[in-house]
C-alpha atoms as a PDB file:
ATOM      1  CA  MET A   1     110.543  94.324 100.212  1.00  0.00           C
ATOM      2  CA  LEU A   2     106.779  93.753 100.125  1.00  0.00           C
ATOM      3  CA  VAL A   3     105.397  97.300  99.886  1.00  0.00           C
ATOM      4  CA  PRO A   4     107.095  98.335  96.602  1.00  0.00           C
ATOM      5  CA  LYS A   5     106.059  95.016  95.062  1.00  0.00           C
ATOM      6  CA  PHE A   6     102.466  95.596  96.202  1.00  0.00           C
ATOM      7  CA  ASN A   7     102.535  99.151  94.815  1.00  0.00           C
ATOM      8  CA  LEU A   8     103.842  97.947  91.455  1.00  0.00           C
ATOM      9  CA  THR A   9     101.248  95.170  91.296  1.00  0.00           C
ATOM     10  CA  PHE A  10      98.518  97.649  92.151  1.00  0.00           C
ATOM     11  CA  CYS A  11      99.958 100.084  89.600  1.00  0.00           C
ATOM     12  CA  ARG A  12      99.567  97.465  86.861  1.00  0.00           C
ATOM     13  CA  ARG A  13      95.943  96.855  87.862  1.00  0.00           C
ATOM     14  CA  VAL A  14      95.205 100.581  87.819  1.00  0.00           C
ATOM     15  CA  ILE A  15      96.795 100.940  84.369  1.00  0.00           C
ATOM     16  CA  GLN A  16      94.590  98.097  83.123  1.00  0.00           C
ATOM     17  CA  ALA A  17      91.531  99.848  84.559  1.00  0.00           C
ATOM     18  CA  ALA A  18      92.578 103.083  82.834  1.00  0.00           C
ATOM     19  CA  LYS A  19      92.913 101.267  79.508  1.00  0.00           C
ATOM     20  CA  GLU A  20      89.486  99.700  79.891  1.00  0.00           C
ATOM     21  CA  LEU A  21      87.886 103.005  80.828  1.00  0.00           C
ATOM     22  CA  ALA A  22      89.537 104.775  77.886  1.00  0.00           C
ATOM     23  CA  GLY A  23      88.399 102.007  75.563  1.00  0.00           C
ATOM     24  CA  LYS A  24      84.815 102.617  76.667  1.00  0.00           C
ATOM     25  CA  GLY A  25      85.103 106.360  76.085  1.00  0.00           C
ATOM     26  CA  PHE A  26      85.486 107.376  79.748  1.00  0.00           C
ATOM     27  CA  HIS A  27      88.607 109.431  79.118  1.00  0.00           C
ATOM     28  CA  ASP A  28      88.307 111.677  82.173  1.00  0.00           C
ATOM     29  CA  PHE A  29      88.093 108.653  84.481  1.00  0.00           C
ATOM     30  CA  ALA A  30      90.914 106.944  82.577  1.00  0.00           C
ATOM     31  CA  ALA A  31      93.109 110.013  83.141  1.00  0.00           C
ATOM     32  CA  SER A  32      92.329 109.894  86.849  1.00  0.00           C
ATOM     33  CA  ARG A  33      93.312 106.215  87.016  1.00  0.00           C
ATOM     34  CA  ALA A  34      96.526 106.993  85.099  1.00  0.00           C
ATOM     35  CA  ASP A  35      97.379 109.643  87.719  1.00  0.00           C
ATOM     36  CA  TYR A  36      96.962 107.041  90.452  1.00  0.00           C
ATOM     37  CA  ALA A  37      99.122 104.581  88.528  1.00  0.00           C
ATOM     38  CA  ALA A  38     101.906 107.156  88.359  1.00  0.00           C
ATOM     39  CA  PHE A  39     101.539 107.803  92.087  1.00  0.00           C
ATOM     40  CA  TYR A  40     101.808 104.090  92.948  1.00  0.00           C
ATOM     41  CA  ALA A  41     104.817 103.647  90.667  1.00  0.00           C
ATOM     42  CA  ALA A  42     106.579 106.678  92.182  1.00  0.00           C
ATOM     43  CA  THR A  43     105.769 105.489  95.707  1.00  0.00           C
ATOM     44  CA  ALA A  44     107.222 102.060  94.930  1.00  0.00           C
ATOM     45  CA  ALA A  45     110.416 103.631  93.558  1.00  0.00           C
ATOM     46  CA  LEU A  46     110.808 105.864  96.614  1.00  0.00           C
ATOM     47  CA  LEU A  47     110.155 103.003  99.028  1.00  0.00           C
ATOM     48  CA  ARG A  48     112.720 100.860  97.208  1.00  0.00           C
ATOM     49  CA  GLU A  49     115.235 103.638  97.944  1.00  0.00           C
ATOM     50  CA  GLY A  50     114.188 103.747 101.588  1.00  0.00           C
ATOM     51  CA  ILE A  51     112.217 106.982 101.310  1.00  0.00           C
ATOM     52  CA  ALA A  52     108.814 106.775 102.982  1.00  0.00           C
ATOM     53  CA  CYS A  53     105.981 109.030 101.856  1.00  0.00           C
ATOM     54  CA  ARG A  54     104.232 109.801 105.110  1.00  0.00           C
ATOM     55  CA  ASN A  55     102.669 112.970 106.418  1.00  0.00           C
ATOM     56  CA  PRO A  56     102.585 112.765 110.234  1.00  0.00           C
ATOM     57  CA  PHE A  57     100.021 115.578 110.466  1.00  0.00           C
ATOM     58  CA  LEU A  58      97.680 113.772 108.092  1.00  0.00           C
ATOM     59  CA  ALA A  59      98.216 110.508 109.988  1.00  0.00           C
ATOM     60  CA  ASP A  60      97.282 112.226 113.271  1.00  0.00           C
ATOM     61  CA  GLU A  61      94.175 113.768 111.728  1.00  0.00           C
ATOM     62  CA  ARG A  62      93.076 110.418 110.295  1.00  0.00           C
ATOM     63  CA  ALA A  63      93.578 108.734 113.665  1.00  0.00           C
ATOM     64  CA  ARG A  64      91.484 111.429 115.359  1.00  0.00           C
ATOM     65  CA  LYS A  65      88.694 111.080 112.783  1.00  0.00           C
ATOM     66  CA  ARG A  66      88.793 107.296 113.087  1.00  0.00           C
ATOM     67  CA  GLU A  67      88.426 107.556 116.875  1.00  0.00           C
ATOM     68  CA  ASP A  68      85.565 110.058 116.533  1.00  0.00           C
ATOM     69  CA  LEU A  69      83.740 107.719 114.149  1.00  0.00           C
ATOM     70  CA  LEU A  70      84.223 104.747 116.451  1.00  0.00           C
ATOM     71  CA  GLN A  71      82.848 106.679 119.416  1.00  0.00           C
ATOM     72  CA  ALA A  72      79.856 107.911 117.391  1.00  0.00           C
ATOM     73  CA  THR A  73      79.152 104.342 116.263  1.00  0.00           C
ATOM     74  CA  GLU A  74      79.314 103.091 119.843  1.00  0.00           C
ATOM     75  CA  ARG A  75      76.842 105.785 120.948  1.00  0.00           C
ATOM     76  CA  GLU A  76      74.415 104.789 118.197  1.00  0.00           C
ATOM     77  CA  LEU A  77      74.772 101.105 119.074  1.00  0.00           C
ATOM     78  CA  ASP A  78      74.107 101.913 122.737  1.00  0.00           C
ATOM     79  CA  LYS A  79      70.850 103.603 121.691  1.00  0.00           C
ATOM     80  CA  ILE A  80      69.811 100.491 119.761  1.00  0.00           C
ATOM     81  CA  VAL A  81      70.650  98.188 122.655  1.00  0.00           C
ATOM     82  CA  ALA A  82      68.741 100.415 125.107  1.00  0.00           C
ATOM     83  CA  ALA A  83      65.623 100.478 122.917  1.00  0.00           C
END
């Protein structure tokens, strides 16, 4: 299964970033990265068990925002073309 493998690979990269940030004294940012690493590891474990982490309401809202941004971009491009 590709997604858990991707999440675990990404988790390792995020842990490395956290270590580097901590080593440079950026402990608050390192803690944030560590939180993300835990999230990616947990997501990979859940996906491996066939449990998807998806919020349909959030997905709908993101789709609506994406469409709004695309329409706004098209309106701005139309203004440039008309000028």
